[in-house]
Amino acid sequence: MLNDLINQVTHNNKLFVELLLNFYLDGNGVERQQIEEILQENKQEDLGHRIVENLRQIAASKAL
């Protein structure tokens, strides 16, 4: 089941974004920080930073 999900995510960017957003919004502070660290470890750090900023803005708009 997990392998199927991984395969689908690698071929579907929209699914990846939806899963990432849902994991981020459902997580507590520690889990969100871990997600942010993983994103910012990306070789394209600027891209990771922009994604983290967008996730933080979405969470703030939902008062999380």
N, C-alpha and C. Protein backbone atom coordinates (compact mmCIF):
# COMPACT_ATOMS: atom_id res chain seq x y z
N MET A 1 0.82 -1.18 0.00
CA MET A 1 0.00 0.00 0.00
C MET A 1 0.88 1.26 0.00
N LEU A 2 1.88 1.30 0.87
CA LEU A 2 2.77 2.45 0.93
C LEU A 2 3.55 2.59 -0.37
N ASN A 3 4.00 1.48 -0.92
CA ASN A 3 4.73 1.52 -2.19
C ASN A 3 3.86 2.08 -3.31
N ASP A 4 2.57 1.70 -3.32
CA ASP A 4 1.65 2.24 -4.32
C ASP A 4 1.51 3.75 -4.16
N LEU A 5 1.40 4.21 -2.92
CA LEU A 5 1.27 5.65 -2.66
C LEU A 5 2.53 6.38 -3.11
N ILE A 6 3.68 5.84 -2.79
CA ILE A 6 4.94 6.46 -3.20
C ILE A 6 5.02 6.53 -4.73
N ASN A 7 4.63 5.47 -5.39
CA ASN A 7 4.65 5.45 -6.85
C ASN A 7 3.70 6.50 -7.42
N GLN A 8 2.52 6.64 -6.84
CA GLN A 8 1.56 7.63 -7.31
C GLN A 8 2.08 9.05 -7.08
N VAL A 9 2.68 9.28 -5.93
CA VAL A 9 3.18 10.61 -5.60
C VAL A 9 4.32 11.02 -6.53
N THR A 10 5.17 10.07 -6.92
CA THR A 10 6.29 10.41 -7.79
C THR A 10 5.81 10.80 -9.19
N HIS A 11 4.61 10.42 -9.54
CA HIS A 11 4.08 10.74 -10.87
C HIS A 11 2.98 11.80 -10.84
N ASN A 12 2.63 12.29 -9.65
CA ASN A 12 1.52 13.22 -9.55
C ASN A 12 1.88 14.33 -8.56
N ASN A 13 2.31 15.46 -9.06
CA ASN A 13 2.73 16.57 -8.19
C ASN A 13 1.60 17.10 -7.34
N LYS A 14 0.40 17.14 -7.90
CA LYS A 14 -0.75 17.66 -7.15
C LYS A 14 -1.01 16.79 -5.92
N LEU A 15 -0.93 15.49 -6.08
CA LEU A 15 -1.11 14.57 -4.96
C LEU A 15 -0.04 14.79 -3.90
N PHE A 16 1.20 14.99 -4.34
CA PHE A 16 2.29 15.24 -3.40
C PHE A 16 2.02 16.50 -2.57
N VAL A 17 1.62 17.56 -3.25
CA VAL A 17 1.35 18.82 -2.56
C VAL A 17 0.20 18.66 -1.57
N GLU A 18 -0.85 17.98 -1.98
CA GLU A 18 -2.00 17.76 -1.09
C GLU A 18 -1.59 16.96 0.15
N LEU A 19 -0.81 15.92 -0.05
CA LEU A 19 -0.35 15.10 1.08
C LEU A 19 0.56 15.91 2.01
N LEU A 20 1.49 16.64 1.43
CA LEU A 20 2.40 17.46 2.23
C LEU A 20 1.62 18.48 3.04
N LEU A 21 0.69 19.17 2.41
CA LEU A 21 -0.11 20.17 3.11
C LEU A 21 -0.93 19.54 4.23
N ASN A 22 -1.55 18.41 3.97
CA ASN A 22 -2.36 17.75 5.00
C ASN A 22 -1.50 17.25 6.16
N PHE A 23 -0.35 16.67 5.88
CA PHE A 23 0.54 16.25 6.97
C PHE A 23 0.98 17.44 7.79
N TYR A 24 1.30 18.54 7.12
CA TYR A 24 1.76 19.75 7.81
C TYR A 24 0.65 20.31 8.69
N LEU A 25 -0.54 20.44 8.14
CA LEU A 25 -1.64 21.03 8.89
C LEU A 25 -2.12 20.13 10.03
N ASP A 26 -2.03 18.82 9.85
CA ASP A 26 -2.46 17.88 10.89
C ASP A 26 -1.41 17.70 11.98
N GLY A 27 -0.19 18.10 11.72
CA GLY A 27 0.89 17.87 12.67
C GLY A 27 0.91 18.87 13.81
N ASN A 28 1.59 18.47 14.88
CA ASN A 28 1.80 19.41 15.98
C ASN A 28 3.06 20.22 15.68
N GLY A 29 3.46 21.06 16.61
CA GLY A 29 4.60 21.94 16.39
C GLY A 29 5.88 21.19 16.07
N VAL A 30 6.14 20.11 16.76
CA VAL A 30 7.36 19.33 16.54
C VAL A 30 7.33 18.69 15.15
N GLU A 31 6.19 18.13 14.78
CA GLU A 31 6.08 17.48 13.47
C GLU A 31 6.22 18.51 12.34
N ARG A 32 5.63 19.68 12.53
CA ARG A 32 5.77 20.73 11.52
C ARG A 32 7.23 21.15 11.37
N GLN A 33 7.92 21.27 12.49
CA GLN A 33 9.33 21.65 12.45
C GLN A 33 10.15 20.60 11.71
N GLN A 34 9.84 19.32 11.93
CA GLN A 34 10.55 18.26 11.23
C GLN A 34 10.31 18.32 9.73
N ILE A 35 9.06 18.58 9.33
CA ILE A 35 8.74 18.72 7.91
C ILE A 35 9.51 19.89 7.32
N GLU A 36 9.54 21.01 8.04
CA GLU A 36 10.26 22.20 7.57
C GLU A 36 11.75 21.91 7.39
N GLU A 37 12.34 21.20 8.34
CA GLU A 37 13.77 20.88 8.26
C GLU A 37 14.06 20.01 7.04
N ILE A 38 13.21 19.05 6.79
CA ILE A 38 13.40 18.17 5.63
C ILE A 38 13.31 18.97 4.35
N LEU A 39 12.34 19.86 4.26
CA LEU A 39 12.18 20.67 3.06
C LEU A 39 13.37 21.61 2.85
N GLN A 40 13.90 22.15 3.92
CA GLN A 40 15.00 23.10 3.80
C GLN A 40 16.35 22.42 3.61
N GLU A 41 16.43 21.10 3.81
CA GLU A 41 17.66 20.35 3.53
C GLU A 41 17.85 20.12 2.04
N ASN A 42 16.81 20.39 1.27
CA ASN A 42 16.85 20.23 -0.17
C ASN A 42 18.04 20.99 -0.74
N LYS A 43 18.64 20.46 -1.77
CA LYS A 43 19.78 21.13 -2.39
C LYS A 43 19.40 22.51 -2.92
N GLN A 44 18.17 22.66 -3.31
CA GLN A 44 17.67 23.96 -3.75
C GLN A 44 17.03 24.63 -2.54
N GLU A 45 17.87 25.11 -1.62
CA GLU A 45 17.40 25.62 -0.34
C GLU A 45 16.40 26.76 -0.49
N ASP A 46 16.57 27.59 -1.51
CA ASP A 46 15.64 28.69 -1.71
C ASP A 46 14.23 28.15 -1.97
N LEU A 47 14.14 27.10 -2.76
CA LEU A 47 12.84 26.49 -3.03
C LEU A 47 12.23 25.92 -1.75
N GLY A 48 13.03 25.22 -0.96
CA GLY A 48 12.55 24.67 0.31
C GLY A 48 12.07 25.76 1.25
N HIS A 49 12.82 26.85 1.29
CA HIS A 49 12.45 27.98 2.15
C HIS A 49 11.11 28.58 1.70
N ARG A 50 10.93 28.73 0.40
CA ARG A 50 9.66 29.29 -0.11
C ARG A 50 8.49 28.36 0.19
N ILE A 51 8.70 27.07 0.09
CA ILE A 51 7.63 26.11 0.40
C ILE A 51 7.27 26.20 1.87
N VAL A 52 8.28 26.28 2.74
CA VAL A 52 8.03 26.39 4.18
C VAL A 52 7.25 27.67 4.49
N GLU A 53 7.63 28.77 3.86
CA GLU A 53 6.93 30.03 4.09
C GLU A 53 5.47 29.91 3.66
N ASN A 54 5.21 29.27 2.54
CA ASN A 54 3.84 29.08 2.07
C ASN A 54 3.05 28.20 3.04
N LEU A 55 3.67 27.14 3.52
CA LEU A 55 2.99 26.27 4.48
C LEU A 55 2.65 27.03 5.76
N ARG A 56 3.58 27.85 6.23
CA ARG A 56 3.34 28.64 7.45
C ARG A 56 2.19 29.62 7.23
N GLN A 57 2.13 30.23 6.06
CA GLN A 57 1.05 31.18 5.77
C GLN A 57 -0.30 30.47 5.74
N ILE A 58 -0.35 29.30 5.14
CA ILE A 58 -1.60 28.54 5.10
C ILE A 58 -2.03 28.15 6.51
N ALA A 59 -1.08 27.68 7.31
CA ALA A 59 -1.40 27.30 8.69
C ALA A 59 -1.90 28.50 9.48
N ALA A 60 -1.26 29.65 9.29
CA ALA A 60 -1.68 30.86 10.01
C ALA A 60 -3.08 31.29 9.58
N SER A 61 -3.38 31.15 8.31
CA SER A 61 -4.71 31.54 7.84
C SER A 61 -5.80 30.64 8.40
N LYS A 62 -5.41 29.43 8.80
CA LYS A 62 -6.36 28.50 9.41
C LYS A 62 -6.28 28.54 10.93
N ALA A 63 -5.52 29.50 11.45
CA ALA A 63 -5.35 29.70 12.89
C ALA A 63 -4.80 28.45 13.57
N LEU A 64 -3.82 27.81 12.95
CA LEU A 64 -3.19 26.62 13.52
C LEU A 64 -1.82 26.96 14.07
